Amino acid sequence: RQLALALANITAMLRPGGYLLHNEPRAGLVETAASLGLPLLHTRAAILGGPPARPLYDTVWLHQKSRTPY
């Protein structure tokens, strides 16, 4: 419920076609964002550092606000 409220507020602040970039892997986030007109556009994992045997990864998600009302 708090996730939906937070995403609704973010969506309201974005202009049509605007982007949200985040690294939050919370369950339900992609589906909730899509239902609010903020569908997933791209996701990518990157190595941030660490030793070669155990590198430190992070994943980012890119959403784009619909250009037309949902």
PDB file of N, CA and C in Angstrom:
ATOM      1  N   ARG A   1       0.821  -1.193   0.000  1.00  0.00           N
ATOM      2  CA  ARG A   1       0.000   0.000   0.000  1.00  0.00           C
ATOM      3  C   ARG A   1       0.863   1.254   0.000  1.00  0.00           C
ATOM      4  N   GLN A   2       1.912   1.264   0.807  1.00  0.00           N
ATOM      5  CA  GLN A   2       2.818   2.411   0.825  1.00  0.00           C
ATOM      6  C   GLN A   2       3.588   2.522  -0.485  1.00  0.00           C
ATOM      7  N   LEU A   3       3.932   1.372  -1.064  1.00  0.00           N
ATOM      8  CA  LEU A   3       4.627   1.368  -2.349  1.00  0.00           C
ATOM      9  C   LEU A   3       3.754   2.001  -3.427  1.00  0.00           C
ATOM     10  N   ALA A   4       2.491   1.632  -3.466  1.00  0.00           N
ATOM     11  CA  ALA A   4       1.572   2.188  -4.460  1.00  0.00           C
ATOM     12  C   ALA A   4       1.428   3.700  -4.280  1.00  0.00           C
ATOM     13  N   LEU A   5       1.337   4.158  -3.044  1.00  0.00           N
ATOM     14  CA  LEU A   5       1.220   5.593  -2.778  1.00  0.00           C
ATOM     15  C   LEU A   5       2.481   6.326  -3.224  1.00  0.00           C
ATOM     16  N   ALA A   6       3.646   5.775  -2.899  1.00  0.00           N
ATOM     17  CA  ALA A   6       4.909   6.402  -3.296  1.00  0.00           C
ATOM     18  C   ALA A   6       5.023   6.478  -4.817  1.00  0.00           C
ATOM     19  N   LEU A   7       4.698   5.386  -5.493  1.00  0.00           N
ATOM     20  CA  LEU A   7       4.778   5.380  -6.957  1.00  0.00           C
ATOM     21  C   LEU A   7       3.751   6.314  -7.589  1.00  0.00           C
ATOM     22  N   ALA A   8       2.566   6.407  -6.998  1.00  0.00           N
ATOM     23  CA  ALA A   8       1.555   7.334  -7.507  1.00  0.00           C
ATOM     24  C   ALA A   8       2.057   8.776  -7.401  1.00  0.00           C
ATOM     25  N   ASN A   9       2.715   9.112  -6.299  1.00  0.00           N
ATOM     26  CA  ASN A   9       3.260  10.460  -6.128  1.00  0.00           C
ATOM     27  C   ASN A   9       4.379  10.738  -7.129  1.00  0.00           C
ATOM     28  N   ILE A  10       5.263   9.759  -7.329  1.00  0.00           N
ATOM     29  CA  ILE A  10       6.348   9.924  -8.299  1.00  0.00           C
ATOM     30  C   ILE A  10       5.775  10.098  -9.699  1.00  0.00           C
ATOM     31  N   THR A  11       4.805   9.266 -10.051  1.00  0.00           N
ATOM     32  CA  THR A  11       4.181   9.342 -11.373  1.00  0.00           C
ATOM     33  C   THR A  11       3.545  10.715 -11.584  1.00  0.00           C
ATOM     34  N   ALA A  12       2.898  11.245 -10.559  1.00  0.00           N
ATOM     35  CA  ALA A  12       2.253  12.559 -10.664  1.00  0.00           C
ATOM     36  C   ALA A  12       3.274  13.674 -10.894  1.00  0.00           C
ATOM     37  N   MET A  13       4.491  13.509 -10.378  1.00  0.00           N
ATOM     38  CA  MET A  13       5.521  14.537 -10.528  1.00  0.00           C
ATOM     39  C   MET A  13       6.235  14.471 -11.875  1.00  0.00           C
ATOM     40  N   LEU A  14       6.180  13.320 -12.541  1.00  0.00           N
ATOM     41  CA  LEU A  14       6.858  13.176 -13.825  1.00  0.00           C
ATOM     42  C   LEU A  14       6.012  13.744 -14.961  1.00  0.00           C
ATOM     43  N   ARG A  15       6.654  14.360 -15.912  1.00  0.00           N
ATOM     44  CA  ARG A  15       5.948  14.811 -17.111  1.00  0.00           C
ATOM     45  C   ARG A  15       5.676  13.594 -17.984  1.00  0.00           C
ATOM     46  N   PRO A  16       4.722  13.668 -18.911  1.00  0.00           N
ATOM     47  CA  PRO A  16       4.507  12.560 -19.842  1.00  0.00           C
ATOM     48  C   PRO A  16       5.802  12.249 -20.602  1.00  0.00           C
ATOM     49  N   GLY A  17       6.182  10.988 -20.634  1.00  0.00           N
ATOM     50  CA  GLY A  17       7.430  10.582 -21.271  1.00  0.00           C
ATOM     51  C   GLY A  17       8.632  10.651 -20.346  1.00  0.00           C
ATOM     52  N   GLY A  18       8.439  11.151 -19.101  1.00  0.00           N
ATOM     53  CA  GLY A  18       9.530  11.259 -18.135  1.00  0.00           C
ATOM     54  C   GLY A  18       9.987   9.890 -17.643  1.00  0.00           C
ATOM     55  N   TYR A  19      11.164   9.838 -17.045  1.00  0.00           N
ATOM     56  CA  TYR A  19      11.782   8.581 -16.632  1.00  0.00           C
ATOM     57  C   TYR A  19      11.928   8.472 -15.118  1.00  0.00           C
ATOM     58  N   LEU A  20      11.833   7.239 -14.640  1.00  0.00           N
ATOM     59  CA  LEU A  20      12.162   6.895 -13.256  1.00  0.00           C
ATOM     60  C   LEU A  20      13.240   5.831 -13.317  1.00  0.00           C
ATOM     61  N   LEU A  21      14.385   6.089 -12.710  1.00  0.00           N
ATOM     62  CA  LEU A  21      15.492   5.144 -12.632  1.00  0.00           C
ATOM     63  C   LEU A  21      15.672   4.779 -11.166  1.00  0.00           C
ATOM     64  N   HIS A  22      15.687   3.477 -10.855  1.00  0.00           N
ATOM     65  CA  HIS A  22      15.838   3.055  -9.459  1.00  0.00           C
ATOM     66  C   HIS A  22      16.588   1.738  -9.378  1.00  0.00           C
ATOM     67  N   ASN A  23      17.035   1.402  -8.174  1.00  0.00           N
ATOM     68  CA  ASN A  23      17.702   0.119  -7.945  1.00  0.00           C
ATOM     69  C   ASN A  23      17.017  -0.661  -6.823  1.00  0.00           C
ATOM     70  N   GLU A  24      15.736  -0.470  -6.669  1.00  0.00           N
ATOM     71  CA  GLU A  24      14.948  -1.134  -5.619  1.00  0.00           C
ATOM     72  C   GLU A  24      14.338  -2.425  -6.162  1.00  0.00           C
ATOM     73  N   PRO A  25      14.782  -3.593  -5.659  1.00  0.00           N
ATOM     74  CA  PRO A  25      14.275  -4.870  -6.177  1.00  0.00           C
ATOM     75  C   PRO A  25      13.014  -5.376  -5.479  1.00  0.00           C
ATOM     76  N   ARG A  26      12.234  -4.504  -4.920  1.00  0.00           N
ATOM     77  CA  ARG A  26      11.054  -4.899  -4.138  1.00  0.00           C
ATOM     78  C   ARG A  26      10.018  -5.639  -4.982  1.00  0.00           C
ATOM     79  N   ALA A  27       9.484  -6.705  -4.417  1.00  0.00           N
ATOM     80  CA  ALA A  27       8.446  -7.494  -5.099  1.00  0.00           C
ATOM     81  C   ALA A  27       7.220  -6.621  -5.365  1.00  0.00           C
ATOM     82  N   GLY A  28       6.681  -6.731  -6.551  1.00  0.00           N
ATOM     83  CA  GLY A  28       5.477  -5.998  -6.902  1.00  0.00           C
ATOM     84  C   GLY A  28       5.713  -4.603  -7.439  1.00  0.00           C
ATOM     85  N   LEU A  29       6.935  -4.120  -7.389  1.00  0.00           N
ATOM     86  CA  LEU A  29       7.200  -2.745  -7.822  1.00  0.00           C
ATOM     87  C   LEU A  29       6.938  -2.572  -9.318  1.00  0.00           C
ATOM     88  N   VAL A  30       7.436  -3.484 -10.138  1.00  0.00           N
ATOM     89  CA  VAL A  30       7.268  -3.359 -11.593  1.00  0.00           C
ATOM     90  C   VAL A  30       5.787  -3.395 -11.963  1.00  0.00           C
ATOM     91  N   GLU A  31       5.047  -4.314 -11.375  1.00  0.00           N
ATOM     92  CA  GLU A  31       3.619  -4.443 -11.676  1.00  0.00           C
ATOM     93  C   GLU A  31       2.832  -3.222 -11.213  1.00  0.00           C
ATOM     94  N   THR A  32       3.148  -2.736 -10.011  1.00  0.00           N
ATOM     95  CA  THR A  32       2.455  -1.566  -9.472  1.00  0.00           C
ATOM     96  C   THR A  32       2.746  -0.335 -10.320  1.00  0.00           C
ATOM     97  N   ALA A  33       4.004  -0.151 -10.686  1.00  0.00           N
ATOM     98  CA  ALA A  33       4.372   0.993 -11.521  1.00  0.00           C
ATOM     99  C   ALA A  33       3.639   0.939 -12.862  1.00  0.00           C
ATOM    100  N   ALA A  34       3.586  -0.234 -13.465  1.00  0.00           N
ATOM    101  CA  ALA A  34       2.900  -0.375 -14.758  1.00  0.00           C
ATOM    102  C   ALA A  34       1.418  -0.039 -14.639  1.00  0.00           C
ATOM    103  N   SER A  35       0.799  -0.437 -13.542  1.00  0.00           N
ATOM    104  CA  SER A  35      -0.630  -0.160 -13.364  1.00  0.00           C
ATOM    105  C   SER A  35      -0.904   1.329 -13.179  1.00  0.00           C
ATOM    106  N   LEU A  36       0.123   2.094 -12.823  1.00  0.00           N
ATOM    107  CA  LEU A  36      -0.012   3.539 -12.637  1.00  0.00           C
ATOM    108  C   LEU A  36       0.444   4.337 -13.861  1.00  0.00           C
ATOM    109  N   GLY A  37       0.703   3.634 -14.970  1.00  0.00           N
ATOM    110  CA  GLY A  37       1.130   4.324 -16.184  1.00  0.00           C
ATOM    111  C   GLY A  37       2.623   4.551 -16.258  1.00  0.00           C
ATOM    112  N   LEU A  38       3.396   3.742 -15.523  1.00  0.00           N
ATOM    113  CA  LEU A  38       4.850   3.870 -15.483  1.00  0.00           C
ATOM    114  C   LEU A  38       5.477   2.505 -15.788  1.00  0.00           C
ATOM    115  N   PRO A  39       5.317   2.012 -17.029  1.00  0.00           N
ATOM    116  CA  PRO A  39       5.792   0.671 -17.358  1.00  0.00           C
ATOM    117  C   PRO A  39       7.320   0.568 -17.403  1.00  0.00           C
ATOM    118  N   LEU A  40       7.804  -0.643 -17.181  1.00  0.00           N
ATOM    119  CA  LEU A  40       9.234  -0.931 -17.249  1.00  0.00           C
ATOM    120  C   LEU A  40       9.706  -0.812 -18.689  1.00  0.00           C
ATOM    121  N   LEU A  41      10.800  -0.102 -18.889  1.00  0.00           N
ATOM    122  CA  LEU A  41      11.364   0.090 -20.217  1.00  0.00           C
ATOM    123  C   LEU A  41      12.622  -0.756 -20.396  1.00  0.00           C
ATOM    124  N   HIS A  42      13.455  -0.838 -19.345  1.00  0.00           N
ATOM    125  CA  HIS A  42      14.737  -1.534 -19.457  1.00  0.00           C
ATOM    126  C   HIS A  42      15.253  -1.873 -18.065  1.00  0.00           C
ATOM    127  N   THR A  43      16.033  -2.938 -17.978  1.00  0.00           N
ATOM    128  CA  THR A  43      16.721  -3.285 -16.736  1.00  0.00           C
ATOM    129  C   THR A  43      18.122  -3.752 -17.080  1.00  0.00           C
ATOM    130  N   ARG A  44      19.059  -3.514 -16.173  1.00  0.00           N
ATOM    131  CA  ARG A  44      20.445  -3.879 -16.435  1.00  0.00           C
ATOM    132  C   ARG A  44      21.179  -4.123 -15.121  1.00  0.00           C
ATOM    133  N   ALA A  45      22.072  -5.115 -15.135  1.00  0.00           N
ATOM    134  CA  ALA A  45      22.952  -5.383 -13.994  1.00  0.00           C
ATOM    135  C   ALA A  45      24.356  -4.914 -14.363  1.00  0.00           C
ATOM    136  N   ALA A  46      25.064  -4.390 -13.372  1.00  0.00           N
ATOM    137  CA  ALA A  46      26.420  -3.902 -13.605  1.00  0.00           C
ATOM    138  C   ALA A  46      27.311  -4.302 -12.440  1.00  0.00           C
ATOM    139  N   ILE A  47      28.576  -4.542 -12.734  1.00  0.00           N
ATOM    140  CA  ILE A  47      29.564  -4.819 -11.692  1.00  0.00           C
ATOM    141  C   ILE A  47      30.045  -3.478 -11.155  1.00  0.00           C
ATOM    142  N   LEU A  48      29.954  -3.310  -9.838  1.00  0.00           N
ATOM    143  CA  LEU A  48      30.383  -2.064  -9.206  1.00  0.00           C
ATOM    144  C   LEU A  48      31.821  -2.132  -8.713  1.00  0.00           C
ATOM    145  N   GLY A  49      32.302  -3.323  -8.421  1.00  0.00           N
ATOM    146  CA  GLY A  49      33.654  -3.476  -7.895  1.00  0.00           C
ATOM    147  C   GLY A  49      33.790  -4.805  -7.186  1.00  0.00           C
ATOM    148  N   GLY A  50      34.732  -4.864  -6.277  1.00  0.00           N
ATOM    149  CA  GLY A  50      34.969  -6.088  -5.536  1.00  0.00           C
ATOM    150  C   GLY A  50      36.004  -6.955  -6.216  1.00  0.00           C
ATOM    151  N   PRO A  51      36.415  -8.022  -5.543  1.00  0.00           N
ATOM    152  CA  PRO A  51      37.419  -8.915  -6.126  1.00  0.00           C
ATOM    153  C   PRO A  51      36.825  -9.712  -7.291  1.00  0.00           C
ATOM    154  N   PRO A  52      37.642 -10.096  -8.250  1.00  0.00           N
ATOM    155  CA  PRO A  52      37.141 -10.851  -9.404  1.00  0.00           C
ATOM    156  C   PRO A  52      36.392 -12.133  -9.024  1.00  0.00           C
ATOM    157  N   ALA A  53      36.795 -12.770  -7.943  1.00  0.00           N
ATOM    158  CA  ALA A  53      36.131 -14.009  -7.530  1.00  0.00           C
ATOM    159  C   ALA A  53      34.744 -13.749  -6.942  1.00  0.00           C
ATOM    160  N   ARG A  54      34.529 -12.555  -6.396  1.00  0.00           N
ATOM    161  CA  ARG A  54      33.236 -12.208  -5.786  1.00  0.00           C
ATOM    162  C   ARG A  54      32.886 -10.751  -6.097  1.00  0.00           C
ATOM    163  N   PRO A  55      32.564 -10.461  -7.343  1.00  0.00           N
ATOM    164  CA  PRO A  55      32.258  -9.067  -7.696  1.00  0.00           C
ATOM    165  C   PRO A  55      30.958  -8.588  -7.046  1.00  0.00           C
ATOM    166  N   LEU A  56      30.886  -7.297  -6.846  1.00  0.00           N
ATOM    167  CA  LEU A  56      29.700  -6.650  -6.284  1.00  0.00           C
ATOM    168  C   LEU A  56      28.847  -6.125  -7.440  1.00  0.00           C
ATOM    169  N   TYR A  57      27.614  -6.607  -7.510  1.00  0.00           N
ATOM    170  CA  TYR A  57      26.689  -6.230  -8.582  1.00  0.00           C
ATOM    171  C   TYR A  57      25.604  -5.294  -8.060  1.00  0.00           C
ATOM    172  N   ASP A  58      25.035  -4.535  -8.963  1.00  0.00           N
ATOM    173  CA  ASP A  58      23.815  -3.788  -8.686  1.00  0.00           C
ATOM    174  C   ASP A  58      22.956  -3.860  -9.946  1.00  0.00           C
ATOM    175  N   THR A  59      21.667  -3.788  -9.758  1.00  0.00           N
ATOM    176  CA  THR A  59      20.731  -3.816 -10.877  1.00  0.00           C
ATOM    177  C   THR A  59      19.916  -2.536 -10.851  1.00  0.00           C
ATOM    178  N   VAL A  60      19.683  -1.973 -12.021  1.00  0.00           N
ATOM    179  CA  VAL A  60      18.852  -0.775 -12.120  1.00  0.00           C
ATOM    180  C   VAL A  60      17.686  -1.056 -13.054  1.00  0.00           C
ATOM    181  N   TRP A  61      16.575  -0.404 -12.773  1.00  0.00           N
ATOM    182  CA  TRP A  61      15.358  -0.514 -13.570  1.00  0.00           C
ATOM    183  C   TRP A  61      15.017   0.871 -14.086  1.00  0.00           C
ATOM    184  N   LEU A  62      14.596   0.939 -15.343  1.00  0.00           N
ATOM    185  CA  LEU A  62      14.212   2.197 -15.972  1.00  0.00           C
ATOM    186  C   LEU A  62      12.753   2.097 -16.404  1.00  0.00           C
ATOM    187  N   HIS A  63      11.944   3.012 -15.903  1.00  0.00           N
ATOM    188  CA  HIS A  63      10.529   3.099 -16.259  1.00  0.00           C
ATOM    189  C   HIS A  63      10.316   4.407 -17.005  1.00  0.00           C
ATOM    190  N   GLN A  64       9.340   4.415 -17.908  1.00  0.00           N
ATOM    191  CA  GLN A  64       8.983   5.650 -18.609  1.00  0.00           C
ATOM    192  C   GLN A  64       7.494   5.896 -18.463  1.00  0.00           C
ATOM    193  N   LYS A  65       7.162   7.109 -18.030  1.00  0.00           N
ATOM    194  CA  LYS A  65       5.756   7.471 -17.877  1.00  0.00           C
ATOM    195  C   LYS A  65       5.080   7.498 -19.239  1.00  0.00           C
ATOM    196  N   SER A  66       3.892   6.952 -19.297  1.00  0.00           N
ATOM    197  CA  SER A  66       3.125   6.934 -20.544  1.00  0.00           C
ATOM    198  C   SER A  66       2.959   8.352 -21.074  1.00  0.00           C
ATOM    199  N   ARG A  67       3.021   8.473 -22.378  1.00  0.00           N
ATOM    200  CA  ARG A  67       2.845   9.788 -23.004  1.00  0.00           C
ATOM    201  C   ARG A  67       1.376  10.157 -23.115  1.00  0.00           C
ATOM    202  N   THR A  68       0.513   9.167 -22.965  1.00  0.00           N
ATOM    203  CA  THR A  68      -0.932   9.399 -22.989  1.00  0.00           C
ATOM    204  C   THR A  68      -1.513   8.927 -21.668  1.00  0.00           C
ATOM    205  N   PRO A  69      -2.629   9.474 -21.242  1.00  0.00           N
ATOM    206  CA  PRO A  69      -3.232   9.037 -19.976  1.00  0.00           C
ATOM    207  C   PRO A  69      -3.532   7.545 -20.003  1.00  0.00           C
ATOM    208  N   TYR A  70      -3.353   6.908 -18.843  1.00  0.00           N
ATOM    209  CA  TYR A  70      -3.637   5.480 -18.744  1.00  0.00           C
ATOM    210  C   TYR A  70      -5.058   5.344 -18.376  1.00  0.00           C
TER     211      TYR A  70
END
